[in-house]
Amino acid sequence: MGRRALRKPKRLARKLLQIRKKLGLSQNELIDRMGLNGQLLREEISDFERGKRLPPLVVLLEYARAANVYVDTLIDDEATLPEQLPSRHR
């Protein structure tokens, strides 16, 4: 019996792009804001936003901190990002 691939959140990529756009940041500016300069490339942000790759947990945490939302808001396909980002309340 083989292992099945983990189910990937369907709306994650769209939420990550939405966060960056609502914060008014370029991909490089987002990397700086998350404090991941030298650890993350613009091309990786692009891959996350297009759904080509899943971001590592530390990157998801930094997206959530930048948007002031809980990480589960990013991962849960049934959860919706607030209209205003960064959010005033978690």
N, C-alpha and C. Protein backbone atom coordinates (compact mmCIF):
# COMPACT_ATOMS: atom_id res chain seq x y z
N MET A 1 0.83 -1.17 0.00
CA MET A 1 0.00 0.00 0.00
C MET A 1 0.88 1.24 0.00
N GLY A 2 0.70 2.13 -0.99
CA GLY A 2 1.52 3.32 -1.13
C GLY A 2 0.95 4.51 -0.37
N ARG A 3 1.75 5.50 -0.26
CA ARG A 3 1.30 6.73 0.39
C ARG A 3 0.66 7.65 -0.64
N ARG A 4 -0.42 8.25 -0.26
CA ARG A 4 -1.06 9.22 -1.14
C ARG A 4 -0.48 10.61 -0.87
N ALA A 5 -0.46 11.42 -1.91
CA ALA A 5 0.02 12.79 -1.76
C ALA A 5 -0.94 13.57 -0.86
N LEU A 6 -0.38 14.46 -0.08
CA LEU A 6 -1.21 15.31 0.77
C LEU A 6 -2.05 16.24 -0.08
N ARG A 7 -3.25 16.49 0.38
CA ARG A 7 -4.13 17.41 -0.33
C ARG A 7 -3.62 18.84 -0.16
N LYS A 8 -3.56 19.56 -1.23
CA LYS A 8 -3.04 20.92 -1.21
C LYS A 8 -4.22 21.90 -1.21
N PRO A 9 -4.14 22.96 -0.39
CA PRO A 9 -5.21 23.96 -0.36
C PRO A 9 -5.41 24.57 -1.75
N LYS A 10 -6.64 24.59 -2.21
CA LYS A 10 -6.94 25.07 -3.56
C LYS A 10 -6.85 26.58 -3.69
N ARG A 11 -7.14 27.30 -2.61
CA ARG A 11 -7.19 28.77 -2.68
C ARG A 11 -5.93 29.45 -2.14
N LEU A 12 -4.95 28.66 -1.72
CA LEU A 12 -3.76 29.23 -1.10
C LEU A 12 -3.04 30.21 -2.02
N ALA A 13 -2.75 29.81 -3.23
CA ALA A 13 -2.01 30.66 -4.16
C ALA A 13 -2.73 32.00 -4.37
N ARG A 14 -4.03 31.94 -4.55
CA ARG A 14 -4.81 33.16 -4.76
C ARG A 14 -4.75 34.07 -3.53
N LYS A 15 -4.80 33.47 -2.34
CA LYS A 15 -4.73 34.26 -1.11
C LYS A 15 -3.36 34.93 -0.96
N LEU A 16 -2.30 34.21 -1.29
CA LEU A 16 -0.96 34.78 -1.18
C LEU A 16 -0.80 35.97 -2.12
N LEU A 17 -1.29 35.84 -3.34
CA LEU A 17 -1.24 36.94 -4.29
C LEU A 17 -2.08 38.11 -3.79
N GLN A 18 -3.24 37.81 -3.26
CA GLN A 18 -4.15 38.83 -2.75
C GLN A 18 -3.48 39.61 -1.61
N ILE A 19 -2.79 38.92 -0.72
CA ILE A 19 -2.10 39.59 0.38
C ILE A 19 -1.07 40.57 -0.16
N ARG A 20 -0.24 40.12 -1.07
CA ARG A 20 0.80 40.99 -1.60
C ARG A 20 0.21 42.21 -2.31
N LYS A 21 -0.82 41.98 -3.12
CA LYS A 21 -1.44 43.08 -3.86
C LYS A 21 -2.10 44.08 -2.92
N LYS A 22 -2.83 43.57 -1.90
CA LYS A 22 -3.51 44.48 -0.98
C LYS A 22 -2.53 45.25 -0.11
N LEU A 23 -1.37 44.70 0.12
CA LEU A 23 -0.34 45.43 0.85
C LEU A 23 0.40 46.40 -0.05
N GLY A 24 0.16 46.32 -1.36
CA GLY A 24 0.79 47.23 -2.32
C GLY A 24 2.28 47.01 -2.48
N LEU A 25 2.70 45.75 -2.42
CA LEU A 25 4.12 45.41 -2.47
C LEU A 25 4.49 44.65 -3.73
N SER A 26 5.70 44.88 -4.20
CA SER A 26 6.25 44.03 -5.26
C SER A 26 6.69 42.72 -4.59
N GLN A 27 7.06 41.75 -5.39
CA GLN A 27 7.53 40.49 -4.81
C GLN A 27 8.80 40.70 -3.99
N ASN A 28 9.71 41.51 -4.47
CA ASN A 28 10.94 41.80 -3.71
C ASN A 28 10.65 42.57 -2.43
N GLU A 29 9.71 43.51 -2.49
CA GLU A 29 9.33 44.27 -1.29
C GLU A 29 8.68 43.35 -0.26
N LEU A 30 7.91 42.38 -0.72
CA LEU A 30 7.28 41.43 0.20
C LEU A 30 8.35 40.61 0.92
N ILE A 31 9.34 40.17 0.18
CA ILE A 31 10.44 39.39 0.77
C ILE A 31 11.12 40.22 1.86
N ASP A 32 11.37 41.49 1.57
CA ASP A 32 11.97 42.38 2.57
C ASP A 32 11.06 42.53 3.79
N ARG A 33 9.78 42.76 3.55
CA ARG A 33 8.81 42.95 4.64
C ARG A 33 8.73 41.72 5.54
N MET A 34 8.87 40.54 4.94
CA MET A 34 8.80 39.31 5.72
C MET A 34 10.13 38.98 6.40
N GLY A 35 11.16 39.77 6.11
CA GLY A 35 12.46 39.53 6.72
C GLY A 35 13.16 38.31 6.17
N LEU A 36 12.87 37.96 4.92
CA LEU A 36 13.43 36.76 4.32
C LEU A 36 14.39 37.07 3.18
N ASN A 37 14.92 38.29 3.17
CA ASN A 37 15.88 38.67 2.15
C ASN A 37 17.12 37.78 2.26
N GLY A 38 17.57 37.23 1.15
CA GLY A 38 18.71 36.32 1.15
C GLY A 38 18.32 34.87 1.40
N GLN A 39 17.06 34.65 1.81
CA GLN A 39 16.58 33.29 2.06
C GLN A 39 15.51 32.87 1.06
N LEU A 40 14.93 33.85 0.38
CA LEU A 40 13.81 33.59 -0.52
C LEU A 40 14.00 34.43 -1.77
N LEU A 41 13.73 33.85 -2.92
CA LEU A 41 13.87 34.55 -4.20
C LEU A 41 12.52 35.01 -4.73
N ARG A 42 12.56 36.06 -5.54
CA ARG A 42 11.34 36.56 -6.18
C ARG A 42 10.66 35.47 -6.99
N GLU A 43 11.46 34.63 -7.65
CA GLU A 43 10.92 33.53 -8.45
C GLU A 43 10.12 32.54 -7.59
N GLU A 44 10.56 32.36 -6.35
CA GLU A 44 9.83 31.46 -5.45
C GLU A 44 8.48 32.06 -5.06
N ILE A 45 8.45 33.38 -4.80
CA ILE A 45 7.18 34.06 -4.52
C ILE A 45 6.24 33.87 -5.70
N SER A 46 6.76 34.04 -6.89
CA SER A 46 5.97 33.86 -8.10
C SER A 46 5.40 32.44 -8.17
N ASP A 47 6.22 31.46 -7.88
CA ASP A 47 5.76 30.06 -7.89
C ASP A 47 4.68 29.82 -6.85
N PHE A 48 4.81 30.41 -5.66
CA PHE A 48 3.79 30.26 -4.62
C PHE A 48 2.47 30.89 -5.07
N GLU A 49 2.56 32.07 -5.67
CA GLU A 49 1.36 32.80 -6.08
C GLU A 49 0.67 32.17 -7.29
N ARG A 50 1.39 31.40 -8.06
CA ARG A 50 0.80 30.71 -9.22
C ARG A 50 0.42 29.27 -8.89
N GLY A 51 0.66 28.84 -7.67
CA GLY A 51 0.30 27.49 -7.26
C GLY A 51 1.23 26.41 -7.77
N LYS A 52 2.41 26.80 -8.22
CA LYS A 52 3.37 25.81 -8.72
C LYS A 52 4.10 25.11 -7.59
N ARG A 53 4.24 25.81 -6.46
CA ARG A 53 4.93 25.25 -5.30
C ARG A 53 4.18 25.65 -4.04
N LEU A 54 4.27 24.80 -3.02
CA LEU A 54 3.74 25.15 -1.71
C LEU A 54 4.85 25.82 -0.90
N PRO A 55 4.53 26.94 -0.27
CA PRO A 55 5.57 27.60 0.53
C PRO A 55 5.88 26.81 1.80
N PRO A 56 7.11 26.89 2.28
CA PRO A 56 7.46 26.28 3.56
C PRO A 56 6.65 26.93 4.69
N LEU A 57 6.53 26.24 5.80
CA LEU A 57 5.75 26.75 6.92
C LEU A 57 6.21 28.13 7.40
N VAL A 58 7.51 28.35 7.46
CA VAL A 58 8.01 29.64 7.93
C VAL A 58 7.56 30.77 6.99
N VAL A 59 7.47 30.50 5.71
CA VAL A 59 7.01 31.51 4.74
C VAL A 59 5.51 31.76 4.94
N LEU A 60 4.72 30.72 5.16
CA LEU A 60 3.30 30.91 5.44
C LEU A 60 3.11 31.74 6.71
N LEU A 61 3.91 31.48 7.70
CA LEU A 61 3.83 32.24 8.95
C LEU A 61 4.11 33.72 8.68
N GLU A 62 5.11 34.01 7.87
CA GLU A 62 5.45 35.41 7.58
C GLU A 62 4.38 36.10 6.73
N TYR A 63 3.75 35.38 5.81
CA TYR A 63 2.61 35.94 5.07
C TYR A 63 1.50 36.29 6.05
N ALA A 64 1.20 35.39 6.96
CA ALA A 64 0.13 35.62 7.93
C ALA A 64 0.46 36.81 8.82
N ARG A 65 1.70 36.94 9.24
CA ARG A 65 2.11 38.08 10.06
C ARG A 65 2.00 39.39 9.28
N ALA A 66 2.40 39.37 8.02
CA ALA A 66 2.33 40.58 7.19
C ALA A 66 0.88 41.03 7.01
N ALA A 67 -0.03 40.07 6.90
CA ALA A 67 -1.45 40.38 6.70
C ALA A 67 -2.21 40.52 8.02
N ASN A 68 -1.55 40.16 9.14
CA ASN A 68 -2.17 40.14 10.46
C ASN A 68 -3.40 39.24 10.50
N VAL A 69 -3.22 38.03 9.98
CA VAL A 69 -4.26 37.00 10.03
C VAL A 69 -3.64 35.73 10.60
N TYR A 70 -4.49 34.81 11.03
CA TYR A 70 -4.01 33.51 11.49
C TYR A 70 -3.59 32.67 10.29
N VAL A 71 -2.61 31.81 10.48
CA VAL A 71 -2.12 30.95 9.41
C VAL A 71 -3.25 30.08 8.86
N ASP A 72 -4.16 29.63 9.72
CA ASP A 72 -5.24 28.77 9.22
C ASP A 72 -6.14 29.51 8.24
N THR A 73 -6.18 30.84 8.29
CA THR A 73 -6.94 31.61 7.30
C THR A 73 -6.35 31.41 5.91
N LEU A 74 -5.04 31.24 5.85
CA LEU A 74 -4.39 31.01 4.56
C LEU A 74 -4.63 29.59 4.07
N ILE A 75 -4.56 28.63 4.97
CA ILE A 75 -4.60 27.22 4.61
C ILE A 75 -6.02 26.71 4.37
N ASP A 76 -6.97 27.19 5.15
CA ASP A 76 -8.35 26.71 5.09
C ASP A 76 -9.06 27.29 3.87
N ASP A 77 -9.45 26.42 2.94
CA ASP A 77 -10.13 26.87 1.73
C ASP A 77 -11.49 27.50 2.02
N GLU A 78 -12.05 27.23 3.18
CA GLU A 78 -13.36 27.80 3.52
C GLU A 78 -13.23 29.16 4.20
N ALA A 79 -12.02 29.51 4.61
CA ALA A 79 -11.79 30.80 5.25
C ALA A 79 -11.49 31.86 4.19
N THR A 80 -11.92 33.07 4.46
CA THR A 80 -11.73 34.18 3.53
C THR A 80 -10.88 35.25 4.18
N LEU A 81 -10.01 35.84 3.41
CA LEU A 81 -9.20 36.95 3.91
C LEU A 81 -10.08 38.17 4.15
N PRO A 82 -9.74 38.97 5.14
CA PRO A 82 -10.49 40.21 5.36
C PRO A 82 -10.32 41.15 4.18
N GLU A 83 -11.27 42.05 4.01
CA GLU A 83 -11.19 43.03 2.92
C GLU A 83 -9.98 43.93 3.09
N GLN A 84 -9.74 44.39 4.30
CA GLN A 84 -8.63 45.30 4.58
C GLN A 84 -7.42 44.51 5.08
N LEU A 85 -6.29 44.72 4.43
CA LEU A 85 -5.04 44.09 4.86
C LEU A 85 -3.97 45.16 5.00
N PRO A 86 -3.15 45.13 6.02
CA PRO A 86 -3.22 44.17 7.10
C PRO A 86 -4.50 44.34 7.92
N SER A 87 -4.98 43.24 8.42
CA SER A 87 -6.22 43.23 9.19
C SER A 87 -5.99 43.95 10.51
N ARG A 88 -7.03 44.62 10.97
CA ARG A 88 -6.95 45.28 12.27
C ARG A 88 -7.09 44.28 13.42
N HIS A 89 -7.81 43.20 13.15
CA HIS A 89 -8.05 42.17 14.17
C HIS A 89 -7.75 40.82 13.57
N ARG A 90 -7.23 39.93 14.39
CA ARG A 90 -7.02 38.57 13.92
C ARG A 90 -8.26 37.80 14.05
